[in-house]
Amino acid sequence: MHPNEILNEWSERAAQAGQPMLLLYFYGEECSVCTTLFPKVADLVAQHFPAMRLQRIDAVTYKALAAQLRMMSIPGILVLAAGKEVFRANGLVALQELKEKIARYYQLLVD
């Protein structure tokens, strides 16, 4: 399946569940930054963006998918709003920047 088809399918499922935005978090079990960052990202989503779906993807297990989506390093974050990519980051991400990027689209789609 083509990466865009995968993203469209996931976005459609999230939208059907009342979640018009989707955050894909690519991680690796052996990645200490990944395990430290994820709870912070999860808290951010839960506290500020409750209508957003958060999906963890093991980039080691699903290496081909991560490569197709150009997630070349971990942690990786890909945010989709109404099925369109609106934010992408690899490596350490500033939570404030992530919050601001998500908020722009979240306000349009949810609030």
PDB file of N, CA and C in Angstrom:
ATOM      1  N   MET A   1       0.841  -1.172   0.000  1.00  0.00           N
ATOM      2  CA  MET A   1       0.000   0.000   0.000  1.00  0.00           C
ATOM      3  C   MET A   1       0.892   1.244   0.000  1.00  0.00           C
ATOM      4  N   HIS A   2       0.537   2.225  -0.776  1.00  0.00           N
ATOM      5  CA  HIS A   2       1.284   3.482  -0.876  1.00  0.00           C
ATOM      6  C   HIS A   2       1.133   4.273   0.429  1.00  0.00           C
ATOM      7  N   PRO A   3       2.193   4.982   0.855  1.00  0.00           N
ATOM      8  CA  PRO A   3       2.122   5.732   2.119  1.00  0.00           C
ATOM      9  C   PRO A   3       0.939   6.695   2.198  1.00  0.00           C
ATOM     10  N   ASN A   4       0.630   7.371   1.096  1.00  0.00           N
ATOM     11  CA  ASN A   4      -0.507   8.296   1.121  1.00  0.00           C
ATOM     12  C   ASN A   4      -1.816   7.563   1.362  1.00  0.00           C
ATOM     13  N   GLU A   5      -1.941   6.362   0.825  1.00  0.00           N
ATOM     14  CA  GLU A   5      -3.144   5.567   1.056  1.00  0.00           C
ATOM     15  C   GLU A   5      -3.251   5.167   2.523  1.00  0.00           C
ATOM     16  N   ILE A   6      -2.114   4.819   3.113  1.00  0.00           N
ATOM     17  CA  ILE A   6      -2.092   4.452   4.533  1.00  0.00           C
ATOM     18  C   ILE A   6      -2.508   5.649   5.379  1.00  0.00           C
ATOM     19  N   LEU A   7      -1.922   6.806   5.102  1.00  0.00           N
ATOM     20  CA  LEU A   7      -2.255   8.007   5.868  1.00  0.00           C
ATOM     21  C   LEU A   7      -3.719   8.388   5.689  1.00  0.00           C
ATOM     22  N   ASN A   8      -4.227   8.275   4.471  1.00  0.00           N
ATOM     23  CA  ASN A   8      -5.635   8.579   4.227  1.00  0.00           C
ATOM     24  C   ASN A   8      -6.545   7.638   5.001  1.00  0.00           C
ATOM     25  N   GLU A   9      -6.199   6.360   5.007  1.00  0.00           N
ATOM     26  CA  GLU A   9      -7.008   5.379   5.734  1.00  0.00           C
ATOM     27  C   GLU A   9      -7.006   5.681   7.231  1.00  0.00           C
ATOM     28  N   TRP A  10      -5.840   5.948   7.786  1.00  0.00           N
ATOM     29  CA  TRP A  10      -5.752   6.264   9.219  1.00  0.00           C
ATOM     30  C   TRP A  10      -6.516   7.544   9.534  1.00  0.00           C
ATOM     31  N   SER A  11      -6.389   8.550   8.668  1.00  0.00           N
ATOM     32  CA  SER A  11      -7.090   9.815   8.884  1.00  0.00           C
ATOM     33  C   SER A  11      -8.599   9.620   8.828  1.00  0.00           C
ATOM     34  N   GLU A  12      -9.061   8.809   7.891  1.00  0.00           N
ATOM     35  CA  GLU A  12     -10.496   8.529   7.784  1.00  0.00           C
ATOM     36  C   GLU A  12     -11.009   7.819   9.029  1.00  0.00           C
ATOM     37  N   ARG A  13     -10.260   6.849   9.514  1.00  0.00           N
ATOM     38  CA  ARG A  13     -10.665   6.144  10.731  1.00  0.00           C
ATOM     39  C   ARG A  13     -10.738   7.099  11.918  1.00  0.00           C
ATOM     40  N   ALA A  14      -9.750   7.972  12.031  1.00  0.00           N
ATOM     41  CA  ALA A  14      -9.742   8.943  13.130  1.00  0.00           C
ATOM     42  C   ALA A  14     -10.938   9.888  13.008  1.00  0.00           C
ATOM     43  N   ALA A  15     -11.206  10.369  11.798  1.00  0.00           N
ATOM     44  CA  ALA A  15     -12.332  11.284  11.585  1.00  0.00           C
ATOM     45  C   ALA A  15     -13.656  10.606  11.916  1.00  0.00           C
ATOM     46  N   GLN A  16     -13.799   9.345  11.542  1.00  0.00           N
ATOM     47  CA  GLN A  16     -15.026   8.607  11.854  1.00  0.00           C
ATOM     48  C   GLN A  16     -15.218   8.453  13.356  1.00  0.00           C
ATOM     49  N   ALA A  17     -14.120   8.451  14.083  1.00  0.00           N
ATOM     50  CA  ALA A  17     -14.176   8.341  15.544  1.00  0.00           C
ATOM     51  C   ALA A  17     -14.282   9.725  16.198  1.00  0.00           C
ATOM     52  N   GLY A  18     -14.507  10.770  15.395  1.00  0.00           N
ATOM     53  CA  GLY A  18     -14.633  12.118  15.930  1.00  0.00           C
ATOM     54  C   GLY A  18     -13.306  12.781  16.233  1.00  0.00           C
ATOM     55  N   GLN A  19     -12.248  12.306  15.579  1.00  0.00           N
ATOM     56  CA  GLN A  19     -10.910  12.854  15.797  1.00  0.00           C
ATOM     57  C   GLN A  19     -10.345  13.325  14.451  1.00  0.00           C
ATOM     58  N   PRO A  20     -10.594  14.602  14.095  1.00  0.00           N
ATOM     59  CA  PRO A  20     -10.176  15.081  12.776  1.00  0.00           C
ATOM     60  C   PRO A  20      -8.672  15.288  12.615  1.00  0.00           C
ATOM     61  N   MET A  21      -7.929  15.137  13.715  1.00  0.00           N
ATOM     62  CA  MET A  21      -6.475  15.274  13.631  1.00  0.00           C
ATOM     63  C   MET A  21      -5.811  14.013  14.152  1.00  0.00           C
ATOM     64  N   LEU A  22      -4.647  13.735  13.603  1.00  0.00           N
ATOM     65  CA  LEU A  22      -3.918  12.511  13.917  1.00  0.00           C
ATOM     66  C   LEU A  22      -2.445  12.852  14.105  1.00  0.00           C
ATOM     67  N   LEU A  23      -1.871  12.373  15.205  1.00  0.00           N
ATOM     68  CA  LEU A  23      -0.439  12.539  15.447  1.00  0.00           C
ATOM     69  C   LEU A  23       0.183  11.154  15.444  1.00  0.00           C
ATOM     70  N   LEU A  24       1.092  10.925  14.512  1.00  0.00           N
ATOM     71  CA  LEU A  24       1.823   9.666  14.442  1.00  0.00           C
ATOM     72  C   LEU A  24       3.168   9.868  15.119  1.00  0.00           C
ATOM     73  N   TYR A  25       3.458   9.026  16.100  1.00  0.00           N
ATOM     74  CA  TYR A  25       4.698   9.122  16.863  1.00  0.00           C
ATOM     75  C   TYR A  25       5.538   7.896  16.542  1.00  0.00           C
ATOM     76  N   PHE A  26       6.626   8.088  15.818  1.00  0.00           N
ATOM     77  CA  PHE A  26       7.527   7.002  15.447  1.00  0.00           C
ATOM     78  C   PHE A  26       8.608   6.886  16.511  1.00  0.00           C
ATOM     79  N   TYR A  27       8.812   5.673  16.989  1.00  0.00           N
ATOM     80  CA  TYR A  27       9.753   5.456  18.090  1.00  0.00           C
ATOM     81  C   TYR A  27      10.493   4.141  17.900  1.00  0.00           C
ATOM     82  N   GLY A  28      11.457   3.925  18.770  1.00  0.00           N
ATOM     83  CA  GLY A  28      12.162   2.655  18.860  1.00  0.00           C
ATOM     84  C   GLY A  28      12.295   2.297  20.327  1.00  0.00           C
ATOM     85  N   GLU A  29      12.151   1.028  20.652  1.00  0.00           N
ATOM     86  CA  GLU A  29      12.214   0.580  22.054  1.00  0.00           C
ATOM     87  C   GLU A  29      13.552   0.914  22.704  1.00  0.00           C
ATOM     88  N   GLU A  30      14.618   0.893  21.929  1.00  0.00           N
ATOM     89  CA  GLU A  30      15.954   1.146  22.470  1.00  0.00           C
ATOM     90  C   GLU A  30      16.319   2.630  22.490  1.00  0.00           C
ATOM     91  N   CYS A  31      15.428   3.482  22.054  1.00  0.00           N
ATOM     92  CA  CYS A  31      15.682   4.922  21.947  1.00  0.00           C
ATOM     93  C   CYS A  31      15.272   5.615  23.248  1.00  0.00           C
ATOM     94  N   SER A  32      16.260   6.084  24.006  1.00  0.00           N
ATOM     95  CA  SER A  32      15.953   6.721  25.293  1.00  0.00           C
ATOM     96  C   SER A  32      15.216   8.047  25.103  1.00  0.00           C
ATOM     97  N   VAL A  33      15.545   8.788  24.057  1.00  0.00           N
ATOM     98  CA  VAL A  33      14.840  10.042  23.785  1.00  0.00           C
ATOM     99  C   VAL A  33      13.372   9.751  23.478  1.00  0.00           C
ATOM    100  N   CYS A  34      13.131   8.683  22.720  1.00  0.00           N
ATOM    101  CA  CYS A  34      11.756   8.301  22.371  1.00  0.00           C
ATOM    102  C   CYS A  34      10.929   8.001  23.615  1.00  0.00           C
ATOM    103  N   THR A  35      11.509   7.227  24.527  1.00  0.00           N
ATOM    104  CA  THR A  35      10.760   6.838  25.722  1.00  0.00           C
ATOM    105  C   THR A  35      10.585   8.011  26.681  1.00  0.00           C
ATOM    106  N   THR A  36      11.484   8.975  26.652  1.00  0.00           N
ATOM    107  CA  THR A  36      11.352  10.167  27.490  1.00  0.00           C
ATOM    108  C   THR A  36      10.341  11.149  26.901  1.00  0.00           C
ATOM    109  N   LEU A  37      10.357  11.308  25.589  1.00  0.00           N
ATOM    110  CA  LEU A  37       9.508  12.296  24.930  1.00  0.00           C
ATOM    111  C   LEU A  37       8.050  11.855  24.834  1.00  0.00           C
ATOM    112  N   PHE A  38       7.803  10.573  24.611  1.00  0.00           N
ATOM    113  CA  PHE A  38       6.429  10.139  24.357  1.00  0.00           C
ATOM    114  C   PHE A  38       5.447  10.511  25.464  1.00  0.00           C
ATOM    115  N   PRO A  39       5.733  10.270  26.740  1.00  0.00           N
ATOM    116  CA  PRO A  39       4.750  10.647  27.771  1.00  0.00           C
ATOM    117  C   PRO A  39       4.434  12.142  27.763  1.00  0.00           C
ATOM    118  N   LYS A  40       5.408  12.953  27.408  1.00  0.00           N
ATOM    119  CA  LYS A  40       5.188  14.397  27.340  1.00  0.00           C
ATOM    120  C   LYS A  40       4.272  14.751  26.169  1.00  0.00           C
ATOM    121  N   VAL A  41       4.489  14.086  25.036  1.00  0.00           N
ATOM    122  CA  VAL A  41       3.630  14.304  23.872  1.00  0.00           C
ATOM    123  C   VAL A  41       2.217  13.810  24.184  1.00  0.00           C
ATOM    124  N   ALA A  42       2.115  12.648  24.808  1.00  0.00           N
ATOM    125  CA  ALA A  42       0.802  12.096  25.166  1.00  0.00           C
ATOM    126  C   ALA A  42       0.063  13.026  26.120  1.00  0.00           C
ATOM    127  N   ASP A  43       0.755  13.580  27.100  1.00  0.00           N
ATOM    128  CA  ASP A  43       0.136  14.531  28.032  1.00  0.00           C
ATOM    129  C   ASP A  43      -0.317  15.794  27.307  1.00  0.00           C
ATOM    130  N   LEU A  44       0.512  16.289  26.404  1.00  0.00           N
ATOM    131  CA  LEU A  44       0.166  17.478  25.625  1.00  0.00           C
ATOM    132  C   LEU A  44      -1.126  17.248  24.848  1.00  0.00           C
ATOM    133  N   VAL A  45      -1.206  16.117  24.168  1.00  0.00           N
ATOM    134  CA  VAL A  45      -2.396  15.796  23.380  1.00  0.00           C
ATOM    135  C   VAL A  45      -3.611  15.649  24.295  1.00  0.00           C
ATOM    136  N   ALA A  46      -3.472  14.908  25.382  1.00  0.00           N
ATOM    137  CA  ALA A  46      -4.597  14.672  26.294  1.00  0.00           C
ATOM    138  C   ALA A  46      -5.105  15.971  26.918  1.00  0.00           C
ATOM    139  N   GLN A  47      -4.205  16.843  27.309  1.00  0.00           N
ATOM    140  CA  GLN A  47      -4.598  18.072  27.999  1.00  0.00           C
ATOM    141  C   GLN A  47      -5.132  19.156  27.071  1.00  0.00           C
ATOM    142  N   HIS A  48      -4.528  19.303  25.910  1.00  0.00           N
ATOM    143  CA  HIS A  48      -4.865  20.435  25.046  1.00  0.00           C
ATOM    144  C   HIS A  48      -5.628  20.066  23.775  1.00  0.00           C
ATOM    145  N   PHE A  49      -5.529  18.821  23.350  1.00  0.00           N
ATOM    146  CA  PHE A  49      -6.135  18.421  22.079  1.00  0.00           C
ATOM    147  C   PHE A  49      -6.872  17.086  22.221  1.00  0.00           C
ATOM    148  N   PRO A  50      -7.908  17.035  23.049  1.00  0.00           N
ATOM    149  CA  PRO A  50      -8.570  15.757  23.323  1.00  0.00           C
ATOM    150  C   PRO A  50      -9.258  15.119  22.110  1.00  0.00           C
ATOM    151  N   ALA A  51      -9.533  15.899  21.079  1.00  0.00           N
ATOM    152  CA  ALA A  51     -10.162  15.335  19.883  1.00  0.00           C
ATOM    153  C   ALA A  51      -9.129  14.915  18.838  1.00  0.00           C
ATOM    154  N   MET A  52      -7.888  14.769  19.269  1.00  0.00           N
ATOM    155  CA  MET A  52      -6.815  14.339  18.366  1.00  0.00           C
ATOM    156  C   MET A  52      -6.433  12.903  18.703  1.00  0.00           C
ATOM    157  N   ARG A  53      -6.250  12.103  17.682  1.00  0.00           N
ATOM    158  CA  ARG A  53      -5.803  10.721  17.894  1.00  0.00           C
ATOM    159  C   ARG A  53      -4.283  10.686  17.916  1.00  0.00           C
ATOM    160  N   LEU A  54      -3.750   9.956  18.878  1.00  0.00           N
ATOM    161  CA  LEU A  54      -2.306   9.757  19.002  1.00  0.00           C
ATOM    162  C   LEU A  54      -2.011   8.293  18.715  1.00  0.00           C
ATOM    163  N   GLN A  55      -1.148   8.042  17.753  1.00  0.00           N
ATOM    164  CA  GLN A  55      -0.819   6.674  17.348  1.00  0.00           C
ATOM    165  C   GLN A  55       0.686   6.463  17.425  1.00  0.00           C
ATOM    166  N   ARG A  56       1.114   5.496  18.230  1.00  0.00           N
ATOM    167  CA  ARG A  56       2.541   5.140  18.306  1.00  0.00           C
ATOM    168  C   ARG A  56       2.847   4.097  17.241  1.00  0.00           C
ATOM    169  N   ILE A  57       3.972   4.272  16.570  1.00  0.00           N
ATOM    170  CA  ILE A  57       4.401   3.328  15.542  1.00  0.00           C
ATOM    171  C   ILE A  57       5.855   2.974  15.803  1.00  0.00           C
ATOM    172  N   ASP A  58       6.120   1.707  15.992  1.00  0.00           N
ATOM    173  CA  ASP A  58       7.486   1.230  16.211  1.00  0.00           C
ATOM    174  C   ASP A  58       8.226   1.290  14.876  1.00  0.00           C
ATOM    175  N   ALA A  59       9.135   2.245  14.756  1.00  0.00           N
ATOM    176  CA  ALA A  59       9.856   2.473  13.498  1.00  0.00           C
ATOM    177  C   ALA A  59      10.832   1.356  13.171  1.00  0.00           C
ATOM    178  N   VAL A  60      11.181   0.543  14.160  1.00  0.00           N
ATOM    179  CA  VAL A  60      12.072  -0.590  13.909  1.00  0.00           C
ATOM    180  C   VAL A  60      11.262  -1.750  13.329  1.00  0.00           C
ATOM    181  N   THR A  61      10.147  -2.044  13.959  1.00  0.00           N
ATOM    182  CA  THR A  61       9.281  -3.120  13.469  1.00  0.00           C
ATOM    183  C   THR A  61       8.692  -2.770  12.109  1.00  0.00           C
ATOM    184  N   TYR A  62       8.261  -1.524  11.956  1.00  0.00           N
ATOM    185  CA  TYR A  62       7.638  -1.071  10.709  1.00  0.00           C
ATOM    186  C   TYR A  62       8.600  -0.159   9.938  1.00  0.00           C
ATOM    187  N   LYS A  63       9.801  -0.672   9.746  1.00  0.00           N
ATOM    188  CA  LYS A  63      10.877   0.083   9.091  1.00  0.00           C
ATOM    189  C   LYS A  63      10.493   0.535   7.683  1.00  0.00           C
ATOM    190  N   ALA A  64       9.847  -0.328   6.914  1.00  0.00           N
ATOM    191  CA  ALA A  64       9.477   0.025   5.542  1.00  0.00           C
ATOM    192  C   ALA A  64       8.468   1.171   5.533  1.00  0.00           C
ATOM    193  N   LEU A  65       7.501   1.113   6.427  1.00  0.00           N
ATOM    194  CA  LEU A  65       6.510   2.186   6.510  1.00  0.00           C
ATOM    195  C   LEU A  65       7.178   3.499   6.915  1.00  0.00           C
ATOM    196  N   ALA A  66       8.038   3.444   7.928  1.00  0.00           N
ATOM    197  CA  ALA A  66       8.747   4.651   8.370  1.00  0.00           C
ATOM    198  C   ALA A  66       9.563   5.237   7.218  1.00  0.00           C
ATOM    199  N   ALA A  67      10.224   4.397   6.455  1.00  0.00           N
ATOM    200  CA  ALA A  67      11.022   4.870   5.320  1.00  0.00           C
ATOM    201  C   ALA A  67      10.131   5.482   4.243  1.00  0.00           C
ATOM    202  N   GLN A  68       9.007   4.832   3.950  1.00  0.00           N
ATOM    203  CA  GLN A  68       8.092   5.363   2.941  1.00  0.00           C
ATOM    204  C   GLN A  68       7.543   6.730   3.339  1.00  0.00           C
ATOM    205  N   LEU A  69       7.361   6.922   4.637  1.00  0.00           N
ATOM    206  CA  LEU A  69       6.851   8.203   5.130  1.00  0.00           C
ATOM    207  C   LEU A  69       7.976   9.191   5.430  1.00  0.00           C
ATOM    208  N   ARG A  70       9.211   8.821   5.068  1.00  0.00           N
ATOM    209  CA  ARG A  70      10.401   9.655   5.239  1.00  0.00           C
ATOM    210  C   ARG A  70      10.676   9.991   6.706  1.00  0.00           C
ATOM    211  N   MET A  71      10.414   9.036   7.567  1.00  0.00           N
ATOM    212  CA  MET A  71      10.767   9.170   8.978  1.00  0.00           C
ATOM    213  C   MET A  71      12.116   8.480   9.142  1.00  0.00           C
ATOM    214  N   MET A  72      13.177   9.205   8.867  1.00  0.00           N
ATOM    215  CA  MET A  72      14.511   8.624   8.802  1.00  0.00           C
ATOM    216  C   MET A  72      15.238   8.574  10.136  1.00  0.00           C
ATOM    217  N   SER A  73      14.721   9.274  11.134  1.00  0.00           N
ATOM    218  CA  SER A  73      15.316   9.182  12.465  1.00  0.00           C
ATOM    219  C   SER A  73      14.198   9.233  13.500  1.00  0.00           C
ATOM    220  N   ILE A  74      14.522   8.737  14.676  1.00  0.00           N
ATOM    221  CA  ILE A  74      13.525   8.690  15.732  1.00  0.00           C
ATOM    222  C   ILE A  74      14.009   9.489  16.928  1.00  0.00           C
ATOM    223  N   PRO A  75      13.102  10.028  17.690  1.00  0.00           N
ATOM    224  CA  PRO A  75      11.659  10.000  17.485  1.00  0.00           C
ATOM    225  C   PRO A  75      11.258  10.842  16.275  1.00  0.00           C
ATOM    226  N   GLY A  76      10.148  10.468  15.702  1.00  0.00           N
ATOM    227  CA  GLY A  76       9.598  11.198  14.570  1.00  0.00           C
ATOM    228  C   GLY A  76       8.134  11.496  14.822  1.00  0.00           C
ATOM    229  N   ILE A  77       7.722  12.678  14.445  1.00  0.00           N
ATOM    230  CA  ILE A  77       6.333  13.086  14.635  1.00  0.00           C
ATOM    231  C   ILE A  77       5.786  13.561  13.304  1.00  0.00           C
ATOM    232  N   LEU A  78       4.608  13.065  12.981  1.00  0.00           N
ATOM    233  CA  LEU A  78       3.899  13.470  11.775  1.00  0.00           C
ATOM    234  C   LEU A  78       2.474  13.807  12.200  1.00  0.00           C
ATOM    235  N   VAL A  79       2.043  15.041  11.921  1.00  0.00           N
ATOM    236  CA  VAL A  79       0.704  15.479  12.309  1.00  0.00           C
ATOM    237  C   VAL A  79      -0.125  15.677  11.048  1.00  0.00           C
ATOM    238  N   LEU A  80      -1.322  15.094  11.060  1.00  0.00           N
ATOM    239  CA  LEU A  80      -2.256  15.222   9.947  1.00  0.00           C
ATOM    240  C   LEU A  80      -3.513  15.931  10.434  1.00  0.00           C
ATOM    241  N   ALA A  81      -3.998  16.877   9.639  1.00  0.00           N
ATOM    242  CA  ALA A  81      -5.251  17.571   9.922  1.00  0.00           C
ATOM    243  C   ALA A  81      -6.152  17.371   8.714  1.00  0.00           C
ATOM    244  N   ALA A  82      -7.292  16.754   8.935  1.00  0.00           N
ATOM    245  CA  ALA A  82      -8.229  16.451   7.850  1.00  0.00           C
ATOM    246  C   ALA A  82      -7.522  15.712   6.715  1.00  0.00           C
ATOM    247  N   GLY A  83      -6.605  14.817   7.076  1.00  0.00           N
ATOM    248  CA  GLY A  83      -5.916  13.983   6.108  1.00  0.00           C
ATOM    249  C   GLY A  83      -4.702  14.604   5.442  1.00  0.00           C
ATOM    250  N   LYS A  84      -4.388  15.850   5.771  1.00  0.00           N
ATOM    251  CA  LYS A  84      -3.250  16.537   5.156  1.00  0.00           C
ATOM    252  C   LYS A  84      -2.128  16.723   6.173  1.00  0.00           C
ATOM    253  N   GLU A  85      -0.908  16.507   5.723  1.00  0.00           N
ATOM    254  CA  GLU A  85       0.243  16.714   6.601  1.00  0.00           C
ATOM    255  C   GLU A  85       0.388  18.201   6.917  1.00  0.00           C
ATOM    256  N   VAL A  86       0.474  18.508   8.221  1.00  0.00           N
ATOM    257  CA  VAL A  86       0.624  19.905   8.636  1.00  0.00           C
ATOM    258  C   VAL A  86       1.879  20.141   9.469  1.00  0.00           C
ATOM    259  N   PHE A  87       2.503  19.062   9.945  1.00  0.00           N
ATOM    260  CA  PHE A  87       3.721  19.210  10.741  1.00  0.00           C
ATOM    261  C   PHE A  87       4.500  17.913  10.685  1.00  0.00           C
ATOM    262  N   ARG A  88       5.822  18.069  10.630  1.00  0.00           N
ATOM    263  CA  ARG A  88       6.720  16.915  10.593  1.00  0.00           C
ATOM    264  C   ARG A  88       7.993  17.296  11.334  1.00  0.00           C
ATOM    265  N   ALA A  89       8.478  16.365  12.147  1.00  0.00           N
ATOM    266  CA  ALA A  89       9.729  16.607  12.868  1.00  0.00           C
ATOM    267  C   ALA A  89      10.410  15.281  13.148  1.00  0.00           C
ATOM    268  N   ASN A  90      11.725  15.300  13.144  1.00  0.00           N
ATOM    269  CA  ASN A  90      12.531  14.140  13.518  1.00  0.00           C
ATOM    270  C   ASN A  90      13.505  14.579  14.597  1.00  0.00           C
ATOM    271  N   GLY A  91      13.749  13.674  15.542  1.00  0.00           N
ATOM    272  CA  GLY A  91      14.650  13.997  16.637  1.00  0.00           C
ATOM    273  C   GLY A  91      13.908  14.731  17.739  1.00  0.00           C
ATOM    274  N   LEU A  92      14.664  15.431  18.543  1.00  0.00           N
ATOM    275  CA  LEU A  92      14.049  16.173  19.647  1.00  0.00           C
ATOM    276  C   LEU A  92      13.133  17.262  19.115  1.00  0.00           C
ATOM    277  N   VAL A  93      11.973  17.383  19.717  1.00  0.00           N
ATOM    278  CA  VAL A  93      10.982  18.367  19.309  1.00  0.00           C
ATOM    279  C   VAL A  93      10.662  19.248  20.509  1.00  0.00           C
ATOM    280  N   ALA A  94      10.632  20.548  20.289  1.00  0.00           N
ATOM    281  CA  ALA A  94      10.223  21.464  21.347  1.00  0.00           C
ATOM    282  C   ALA A  94       8.711  21.346  21.518  1.00  0.00           C
ATOM    283  N   LEU A  95       8.275  20.997  22.710  1.00  0.00           N
ATOM    284  CA  LEU A  95       6.851  20.788  22.951  1.00  0.00           C
ATOM    285  C   LEU A  95       6.034  22.051  22.699  1.00  0.00           C
ATOM    286  N   GLN A  96       6.580  23.200  23.004  1.00  0.00           N
ATOM    287  CA  GLN A  96       5.849  24.453  22.766  1.00  0.00           C
ATOM    288  C   GLN A  96       5.622  24.657  21.272  1.00  0.00           C
ATOM    289  N   GLU A  97       6.633  24.371  20.467  1.00  0.00           N
ATOM    290  CA  GLU A  97       6.480  24.490  19.012  1.00  0.00           C
ATOM    291  C   GLU A  97       5.429  23.509  18.507  1.00  0.00           C
ATOM    292  N   LEU A  98       5.476  22.283  18.996  1.00  0.00           N
ATOM    293  CA  LEU A  98       4.496  21.275  18.600  1.00  0.00           C
ATOM    294  C   LEU A  98       3.093  21.738  18.985  1.00  0.00           C
ATOM    295  N   LYS A  99       2.940  22.233  20.186  1.00  0.00           N
ATOM    296  CA  LYS A  99       1.640  22.714  20.664  1.00  0.00           C
ATOM    297  C   LYS A  99       1.107  23.832  19.771  1.00  0.00           C
ATOM    298  N   GLU A 100       1.961  24.783  19.420  1.00  0.00           N
ATOM    299  CA  GLU A 100       1.546  25.907  18.582  1.00  0.00           C
ATOM    300  C   GLU A 100       1.139  25.448  17.188  1.00  0.00           C
ATOM    301  N   LYS A 101       1.898  24.541  16.612  1.00  0.00           N
ATOM    302  CA  LYS A 101       1.587  24.043  15.265  1.00  0.00           C
ATOM    303  C   LYS A 101       0.251  23.303  15.257  1.00  0.00           C
ATOM    304  N   ILE A 102       0.050  22.455  16.256  1.00  0.00           N
ATOM    305  CA  ILE A 102      -1.204  21.705  16.333  1.00  0.00           C
ATOM    306  C   ILE A 102      -2.374  22.655  16.566  1.00  0.00           C
ATOM    307  N   ALA A 103      -2.201  23.619  17.466  1.00  0.00           N
ATOM    308  CA  ALA A 103      -3.291  24.527  17.847  1.00  0.00           C
ATOM    309  C   ALA A 103      -3.853  25.288  16.655  1.00  0.00           C
ATOM    310  N   ARG A 104      -3.014  25.679  15.723  1.00  0.00           N
ATOM    311  CA  ARG A 104      -3.486  26.415  14.539  1.00  0.00           C
ATOM    312  C   ARG A 104      -4.575  25.646  13.804  1.00  0.00           C
ATOM    313  N   TYR A 105      -4.327  24.382  13.576  1.00  0.00           N
ATOM    314  CA  TYR A 105      -5.267  23.565  12.814  1.00  0.00           C
ATOM    315  C   TYR A 105      -6.394  23.040  13.695  1.00  0.00           C
ATOM    316  N   TYR A 106      -6.083  22.740  14.918  1.00  0.00           N
ATOM    317  CA  TYR A 106      -7.081  22.212  15.854  1.00  0.00           C
ATOM    318  C   TYR A 106      -8.223  23.213  16.023  1.00  0.00           C
ATOM    319  N   GLN A 107      -7.887  24.485  16.152  1.00  0.00           N
ATOM    320  CA  GLN A 107      -8.912  25.518  16.311  1.00  0.00           C
ATOM    321  C   GLN A 107      -9.837  25.571  15.104  1.00  0.00           C
ATOM    322  N   LEU A 108      -9.299  25.373  13.926  1.00  0.00           N
ATOM    323  CA  LEU A 108     -10.116  25.398  12.708  1.00  0.00           C
ATOM    324  C   LEU A 108     -11.034  24.187  12.603  1.00  0.00           C
ATOM    325  N   LEU A 109     -10.530  23.031  13.011  1.00  0.00           N
ATOM    326  CA  LEU A 109     -11.275  21.790  12.819  1.00  0.00           C
ATOM    327  C   LEU A 109     -12.163  21.388  13.989  1.00  0.00           C
ATOM    328  N   VAL A 110     -11.802  21.814  15.180  1.00  0.00           N
ATOM    329  CA  VAL A 110     -12.507  21.311  16.363  1.00  0.00           C
ATOM    330  C   VAL A 110     -13.238  22.408  17.122  1.00  0.00           C
ATOM    331  N   ASP A 111     -12.553  23.486  17.406  1.00  0.00           N
ATOM    332  CA  ASP A 111     -13.163  24.536  18.244  1.00  0.00           C
ATOM    333  C   ASP A 111     -14.264  25.291  17.534  1.00  0.00           C
TER     334      ASP A 111
END
